[in-house]
Each structure stands twice: as structure tokens, then as C-alpha cells.
Amino acid sequence: MVEEGRRLIRVKVVFLGILADITGRSIEILDIPENTSVDSLIAILSEKHSSLFDWLSKVPLIQVSVNGVDVTSRDVTLHNGDEVVLSTPLYEGG
């Protein structure tokens, strides 16, 4: 729930690979409170999609990029119009 008087921003979330299967969608547009971090966005999405919550509780690894740049810290603050891409990490070798 958004506090009264708190401004909202709009972000586009793109789910790739198995995350699209888990959430049942490849793109989602969300209005979230300004100053929301990547970590908070993932929590919002997990609350909205119980299947994502279940998956993350077993496999807590997720690759995140914001506007085409890989994010190494989930403390990054999102801004209006940002595109957030979520995918599973890619591994090489065997």
C-alpha cells in the first residue's frame, strides 16, 4: 500500500526465460513508490506473484539489469521510466 502523498513512478519489468514461465508474463508495467530499490521491487513482485516467491525461496539467484546495465547491488534506486530486466544467472563451464 502506498502512503498518502507519496509519489509513484512507472517502471517496465521484463521477465526472461523461466521467470516469464513462472509469472505467466514476459512484460509487466508497475506503478511503484518513488525511491523504490531493486530489492524492494523484487519483494513487490514476489508478493504479487506467489509462484515467483516460491521459486526465489528455493533458488534465490536472479540477474537484474536496469536500462541495459547489469546491477550488482540491489540497493540501486529506480526512477520513472526505468526498464528492469529479470533473468536467471547464466553459468559457463561444467
C-alpha atoms as a PDB file:
ATOM      1  CA  MET A   1       0.000   0.000   0.000  1.00  0.00           C
ATOM      2  CA  VAL A   2       1.268   3.466  -0.901  1.00  0.00           C
ATOM      3  CA  GLU A   3       1.370   6.129   1.783  1.00  0.00           C
ATOM      4  CA  GLU A   4      -0.872   9.093   1.092  1.00  0.00           C
ATOM      5  CA  GLY A   5       1.011  11.899  -0.613  1.00  0.00           C
ATOM      6  CA  ARG A   6       3.840   9.643  -1.769  1.00  0.00           C
ATOM      7  CA  ARG A   7       4.585   9.940  -5.464  1.00  0.00           C
ATOM      8  CA  LEU A   8       4.552   6.985  -7.797  1.00  0.00           C
ATOM      9  CA  ILE A   9       6.874   6.158 -10.638  1.00  0.00           C
ATOM     10  CA  ARG A  10       6.204   3.779 -13.515  1.00  0.00           C
ATOM     11  CA  VAL A  11       8.682   1.042 -14.396  1.00  0.00           C
ATOM     12  CA  LYS A  12       8.649  -1.673 -17.014  1.00  0.00           C
ATOM     13  CA  VAL A  13       9.657  -5.124 -15.816  1.00  0.00           C
ATOM     14  CA  VAL A  14      10.760  -7.703 -18.373  1.00  0.00           C
ATOM     15  CA  PHE A  15      10.844 -11.352 -17.291  1.00  0.00           C
ATOM     16  CA  LEU A  16      13.170 -13.599 -19.298  1.00  0.00           C
ATOM     17  CA  GLY A  17      13.359 -17.388 -19.557  1.00  0.00           C
ATOM     18  CA  ILE A  18      11.919 -19.414 -16.725  1.00  0.00           C
ATOM     19  CA  LEU A  19      10.877 -16.240 -14.874  1.00  0.00           C
ATOM     20  CA  ALA A  20       8.405 -15.488 -17.684  1.00  0.00           C
ATOM     21  CA  ASP A  21       7.025 -19.009 -17.284  1.00  0.00           C
ATOM     22  CA  ILE A  22       6.818 -18.655 -13.511  1.00  0.00           C
ATOM     23  CA  THR A  23       4.990 -15.305 -13.574  1.00  0.00           C
ATOM     24  CA  GLY A  24       2.930 -16.099 -16.661  1.00  0.00           C
ATOM     25  CA  ARG A  25       4.051 -12.932 -18.412  1.00  0.00           C
ATOM     26  CA  SER A  26       7.058 -11.521 -20.178  1.00  0.00           C
ATOM     27  CA  ILE A  27       6.366  -7.832 -19.504  1.00  0.00           C
ATOM     28  CA  GLU A  28       4.687  -6.017 -16.640  1.00  0.00           C
ATOM     29  CA  ILE A  29       4.208  -2.279 -16.152  1.00  0.00           C
ATOM     30  CA  LEU A  30       4.122  -1.268 -12.490  1.00  0.00           C
ATOM     31  CA  ASP A  31       3.427   1.942 -10.596  1.00  0.00           C
ATOM     32  CA  ILE A  32       5.615   1.864  -7.502  1.00  0.00           C
ATOM     33  CA  PRO A  33       6.586   4.425  -4.853  1.00  0.00           C
ATOM     34  CA  GLU A  34       9.433   6.714  -5.843  1.00  0.00           C
ATOM     35  CA  ASN A  35      12.777   5.822  -4.251  1.00  0.00           C
ATOM     36  CA  THR A  36      11.973   2.109  -4.537  1.00  0.00           C
ATOM     37  CA  SER A  37      15.126  -0.017  -4.716  1.00  0.00           C
ATOM     38  CA  VAL A  38      15.656  -3.027  -6.960  1.00  0.00           C
ATOM     39  CA  ASP A  39      15.451  -5.231  -3.862  1.00  0.00           C
ATOM     40  CA  SER A  40      12.096  -3.686  -2.891  1.00  0.00           C
ATOM     41  CA  LEU A  41      10.821  -4.150  -6.446  1.00  0.00           C
ATOM     42  CA  ILE A  42      11.665  -7.846  -6.279  1.00  0.00           C
ATOM     43  CA  ALA A  43       9.777  -8.042  -2.959  1.00  0.00           C
ATOM     44  CA  ILE A  44       6.748  -6.316  -4.545  1.00  0.00           C
ATOM     45  CA  LEU A  45       6.849  -8.750  -7.473  1.00  0.00           C
ATOM     46  CA  SER A  46       7.211 -11.731  -5.136  1.00  0.00           C
ATOM     47  CA  GLU A  47       4.165 -10.592  -3.186  1.00  0.00           C
ATOM     48  CA  LYS A  48       2.178 -10.149  -6.398  1.00  0.00           C
ATOM     49  CA  HIS A  49       3.277 -13.462  -7.946  1.00  0.00           C
ATOM     50  CA  SER A  50       3.258 -16.237  -5.334  1.00  0.00           C
ATOM     51  CA  SER A  51       4.912 -18.597  -7.827  1.00  0.00           C
ATOM     52  CA  LEU A  52       7.882 -16.197  -8.058  1.00  0.00           C
ATOM     53  CA  PHE A  53       8.063 -16.052  -4.261  1.00  0.00           C
ATOM     54  CA  ASP A  54       8.083 -19.863  -4.116  1.00  0.00           C
ATOM     55  CA  TRP A  55      10.814 -20.104  -6.772  1.00  0.00           C
ATOM     56  CA  LEU A  56      13.021 -17.435  -5.130  1.00  0.00           C
ATOM     57  CA  SER A  57      12.698 -19.181  -1.765  1.00  0.00           C
ATOM     58  CA  LYS A  58      14.311 -22.266  -3.363  1.00  0.00           C
ATOM     59  CA  VAL A  59      16.653 -20.592  -5.860  1.00  0.00           C
ATOM     60  CA  PRO A  60      17.418 -17.093  -4.559  1.00  0.00           C
ATOM     61  CA  LEU A  61      19.537 -16.159  -7.576  1.00  0.00           C
ATOM     62  CA  ILE A  62      18.307 -13.593 -10.045  1.00  0.00           C
ATOM     63  CA  GLN A  63      20.150 -11.479 -12.610  1.00  0.00           C
ATOM     64  CA  VAL A  64      18.990  -7.858 -12.775  1.00  0.00           C
ATOM     65  CA  SER A  65      19.682  -5.120 -15.283  1.00  0.00           C
ATOM     66  CA  VAL A  66      18.299  -1.597 -15.268  1.00  0.00           C
ATOM     67  CA  ASN A  67      18.173   0.218 -18.590  1.00  0.00           C
ATOM     68  CA  GLY A  68      20.581  -2.305 -20.106  1.00  0.00           C
ATOM     69  CA  VAL A  69      23.185  -2.123 -17.325  1.00  0.00           C
ATOM     70  CA  ASP A  70      23.780  -5.118 -15.047  1.00  0.00           C
ATOM     71  CA  VAL A  71      23.048  -4.251 -11.430  1.00  0.00           C
ATOM     72  CA  THR A  72      25.457  -5.650  -8.863  1.00  0.00           C
ATOM     73  CA  SER A  73      23.798  -4.008  -5.851  1.00  0.00           C
ATOM     74  CA  ARG A  74      20.099  -4.355  -5.174  1.00  0.00           C
ATOM     75  CA  ASP A  75      20.206  -1.031  -3.307  1.00  0.00           C
ATOM     76  CA  VAL A  76      20.021   0.801  -6.662  1.00  0.00           C
ATOM     77  CA  THR A  77      17.093   3.241  -6.658  1.00  0.00           C
ATOM     78  CA  LEU A  78      14.682   3.046  -9.568  1.00  0.00           C
ATOM     79  CA  HIS A  79      13.415   6.064 -11.481  1.00  0.00           C
ATOM     80  CA  ASN A  80      10.355   6.840 -13.574  1.00  0.00           C
ATOM     81  CA  GLY A  81      10.571   5.148 -16.960  1.00  0.00           C
ATOM     82  CA  ASP A  82      13.245   2.605 -15.989  1.00  0.00           C
ATOM     83  CA  GLU A  83      13.244  -0.800 -17.661  1.00  0.00           C
ATOM     84  CA  VAL A  84      14.170  -3.615 -15.301  1.00  0.00           C
ATOM     85  CA  VAL A  85      15.078  -6.973 -16.836  1.00  0.00           C
ATOM     86  CA  LEU A  86      14.977 -10.037 -14.588  1.00  0.00           C
ATOM     87  CA  SER A  87      16.518 -13.345 -15.605  1.00  0.00           C
ATOM     88  CA  THR A  88      18.256 -16.329 -14.118  1.00  0.00           C
ATOM     89  CA  PRO A  89      22.063 -16.165 -13.968  1.00  0.00           C
ATOM     90  CA  LEU A  90      23.964 -17.749 -16.824  1.00  0.00           C
ATOM     91  CA  TYR A  91      26.700 -20.193 -15.953  1.00  0.00           C
ATOM     92  CA  GLU A  92      29.603 -21.383 -18.068  1.00  0.00           C
ATOM     93  CA  GLY A  93      31.658 -24.496 -17.730  1.00  0.00           C
ATOM     94  CA  GLY A  94      30.717 -27.727 -16.183  1.00  0.00           C
END
